[in-house]
Amino acid sequence: MDKKHERSRRVMLFGVFDGLHAGHRAFLASAKKRGRELIVVVARDAAVRLLKNKTPRLNEKARVRAIRASGLADRVVLGDKVQGTYGIIRWYQPDSVCLGYDQKALAADIRAHMRKQTISPVQIIRLGAHRPRIFKSSLRP
């Protein structure tokens, strides 16, 4: 396999995953294909309240359990206690970070941290949407 098409060793994925649905499963499966090890970082309840201005239906521990039970990730962890510090990236040192079509602000923030050299360079991979009008969690009542 040539260098351009070689899979990353360690892929990291960020998300809320409030009610694991087919869109999430497709997102996780697509990220898993990009590497040998998939680490899923589940947003903490406080981060969800801060970013989305609402409380998730399922608490952070329940969301972690749901992803672990799905078998789609090699490791599932909670995000940093302090939003935007990216200690989780420094700790696990992924080769790439997969982001969803709607995670533009997160991509920009990670790139800014790489430019400031507060985190090591990682490849950012944008994954496409899986029927977003049906499976976008934040659109659900």
Protein backbone atom coordinates (compact mmCIF):
# COMPACT_ATOMS: atom_id res chain seq x y z
CA MET A 1 0.00 0.00 0.00
CA ASP A 2 1.53 3.36 -0.97
CA LYS A 3 2.03 6.16 1.57
CA LYS A 4 -0.87 8.23 0.21
CA HIS A 5 -3.38 5.44 0.81
CA GLU A 6 -1.87 3.98 3.97
CA ARG A 7 -4.30 3.86 6.87
CA SER A 8 -3.50 5.84 10.00
CA ARG A 9 -2.54 3.76 12.97
CA ARG A 10 -4.63 5.66 15.49
CA VAL A 11 -7.77 7.60 14.59
CA MET A 12 -9.63 9.86 17.00
CA LEU A 13 -13.25 10.92 16.64
CA PHE A 14 -15.15 13.53 18.67
CA GLY A 15 -18.90 13.73 19.22
CA VAL A 16 -21.86 14.04 21.56
CA PHE A 17 -23.63 10.82 20.49
CA ASP A 18 -26.87 11.66 22.31
CA GLY A 19 -28.93 8.65 21.31
CA LEU A 20 -26.80 6.41 19.09
CA HIS A 21 -28.53 6.23 15.69
CA ALA A 22 -27.77 4.99 12.17
CA GLY A 23 -26.01 8.25 11.28
CA HIS A 24 -23.66 7.85 14.25
CA ARG A 25 -23.04 4.21 13.36
CA ALA A 26 -22.13 5.17 9.78
CA PHE A 27 -19.85 7.96 11.11
CA LEU A 28 -18.09 5.53 13.48
CA ALA A 29 -17.74 2.83 10.80
CA SER A 30 -16.33 5.33 8.30
CA ALA A 31 -13.76 6.56 10.85
CA LYS A 32 -12.84 2.98 11.78
CA LYS A 33 -11.94 2.26 8.15
CA ARG A 34 -9.37 5.08 8.33
CA GLY A 35 -7.15 3.40 10.91
CA ARG A 36 -6.22 0.37 12.92
CA GLU A 37 -7.39 1.80 16.26
CA LEU A 38 -10.43 4.04 16.73
CA ILE A 39 -10.61 6.20 19.84
CA VAL A 40 -13.97 7.89 20.32
CA VAL A 41 -14.05 10.98 22.52
CA VAL A 42 -17.52 11.60 23.95
CA ALA A 43 -18.35 15.19 24.87
CA ARG A 44 -18.89 15.82 28.55
CA ASP A 45 -22.32 17.01 29.67
CA ALA A 46 -20.90 20.44 30.61
CA ALA A 47 -19.36 20.83 27.13
CA VAL A 48 -22.68 19.96 25.46
CA ARG A 49 -24.47 22.57 27.57
CA LEU A 50 -21.80 25.14 26.69
CA LEU A 51 -21.68 24.41 22.94
CA LYS A 52 -25.30 23.56 22.19
CA ASN A 53 -27.01 25.49 24.98
CA LYS A 54 -28.99 22.42 26.00
CA THR A 55 -28.62 19.40 28.25
CA PRO A 56 -28.15 16.06 26.50
CA ARG A 57 -30.97 13.54 26.91
CA LEU A 58 -28.47 10.87 27.98
CA ASN A 59 -25.74 11.67 30.48
CA GLU A 60 -22.08 11.33 29.50
CA LYS A 61 -21.65 7.92 31.14
CA ALA A 62 -24.69 6.49 29.34
CA ARG A 63 -23.40 7.84 26.02
CA VAL A 64 -19.99 6.24 26.63
CA ARG A 65 -21.66 2.91 27.50
CA ALA A 66 -23.77 3.01 24.32
CA ILE A 67 -20.73 3.46 22.08
CA ARG A 68 -18.78 0.77 23.91
CA ALA A 69 -21.74 -1.60 23.55
CA SER A 70 -21.92 -0.90 19.80
CA GLY A 71 -18.52 -2.52 19.29
CA LEU A 72 -17.64 0.13 16.71
CA ALA A 73 -14.76 1.68 18.68
CA ASP A 74 -11.59 0.23 20.14
CA ARG A 75 -11.57 2.74 22.99
CA VAL A 76 -14.22 5.18 24.24
CA VAL A 77 -13.25 8.03 26.56
CA LEU A 78 -14.76 11.21 27.93
CA GLY A 79 -13.48 14.51 26.58
CA ASP A 80 -11.34 16.97 28.49
CA LYS A 81 -12.83 18.51 31.62
CA VAL A 82 -11.74 21.93 30.36
CA GLN A 83 -13.17 22.60 26.90
CA GLY A 84 -10.63 23.37 24.16
CA THR A 85 -7.48 22.25 25.97
CA TYR A 86 -7.02 19.10 23.83
CA GLY A 87 -5.22 17.20 26.56
CA ILE A 88 -6.94 14.13 25.15
CA ILE A 89 -5.10 14.64 21.84
CA ARG A 90 -1.78 15.14 23.64
CA TRP A 91 -2.39 12.00 25.74
CA TYR A 92 -3.41 9.58 22.97
CA GLN A 93 -1.38 11.18 20.13
CA PRO A 94 -3.62 10.14 17.24
CA ASP A 95 -2.28 10.09 13.71
CA SER A 96 -5.54 11.57 12.46
CA VAL A 97 -8.73 13.12 13.73
CA CYS A 98 -11.95 12.38 11.86
CA LEU A 99 -14.59 15.09 12.02
CA GLY A 100 -18.15 15.19 10.81
CA TYR A 101 -19.53 17.50 8.16
CA ASP A 102 -20.97 19.75 10.89
CA GLN A 103 -17.80 20.06 13.02
CA LYS A 104 -16.24 23.02 11.18
CA ALA A 105 -15.56 25.04 14.35
CA LEU A 106 -13.80 22.07 15.94
CA ALA A 107 -11.61 21.61 12.86
CA ALA A 108 -10.64 25.30 12.93
CA ASP A 109 -9.87 25.16 16.65
CA ILE A 110 -7.69 22.05 16.31
CA ARG A 111 -5.80 23.68 13.42
CA ALA A 112 -5.27 26.82 15.53
CA HIS A 113 -3.82 24.72 18.35
CA MET A 114 -1.51 22.97 15.88
CA ARG A 115 -0.30 26.36 14.58
CA LYS A 116 0.36 27.49 18.18
CA GLN A 117 2.10 24.15 18.73
CA THR A 118 0.01 23.34 21.80
CA ILE A 119 -0.74 19.98 20.17
CA SER A 120 1.31 17.91 17.73
CA PRO A 121 0.27 17.99 14.09
CA VAL A 122 -2.47 15.52 13.18
CA GLN A 123 -4.19 14.85 9.90
CA ILE A 124 -7.76 16.17 9.94
CA ILE A 125 -10.17 14.08 7.88
CA ARG A 126 -13.65 15.42 7.15
CA LEU A 127 -16.25 12.66 6.84
CA GLY A 128 -19.42 13.11 4.84
CA ALA A 129 -22.95 13.16 6.21
CA HIS A 130 -25.17 10.08 6.38
CA ARG A 131 -28.69 11.31 5.59
CA PRO A 132 -28.38 14.37 7.88
CA ARG A 133 -32.01 15.46 7.56
CA ILE A 134 -33.03 12.16 9.13
CA PHE A 135 -30.18 11.40 11.53
CA LYS A 136 -28.97 14.82 12.80
CA SER A 137 -29.44 14.48 16.58
CA SER A 138 -29.69 18.21 17.26
CA LEU A 139 -32.69 18.40 14.90
CA ARG A 140 -34.67 15.93 16.96
CA PRO A 141 -37.24 17.21 19.47
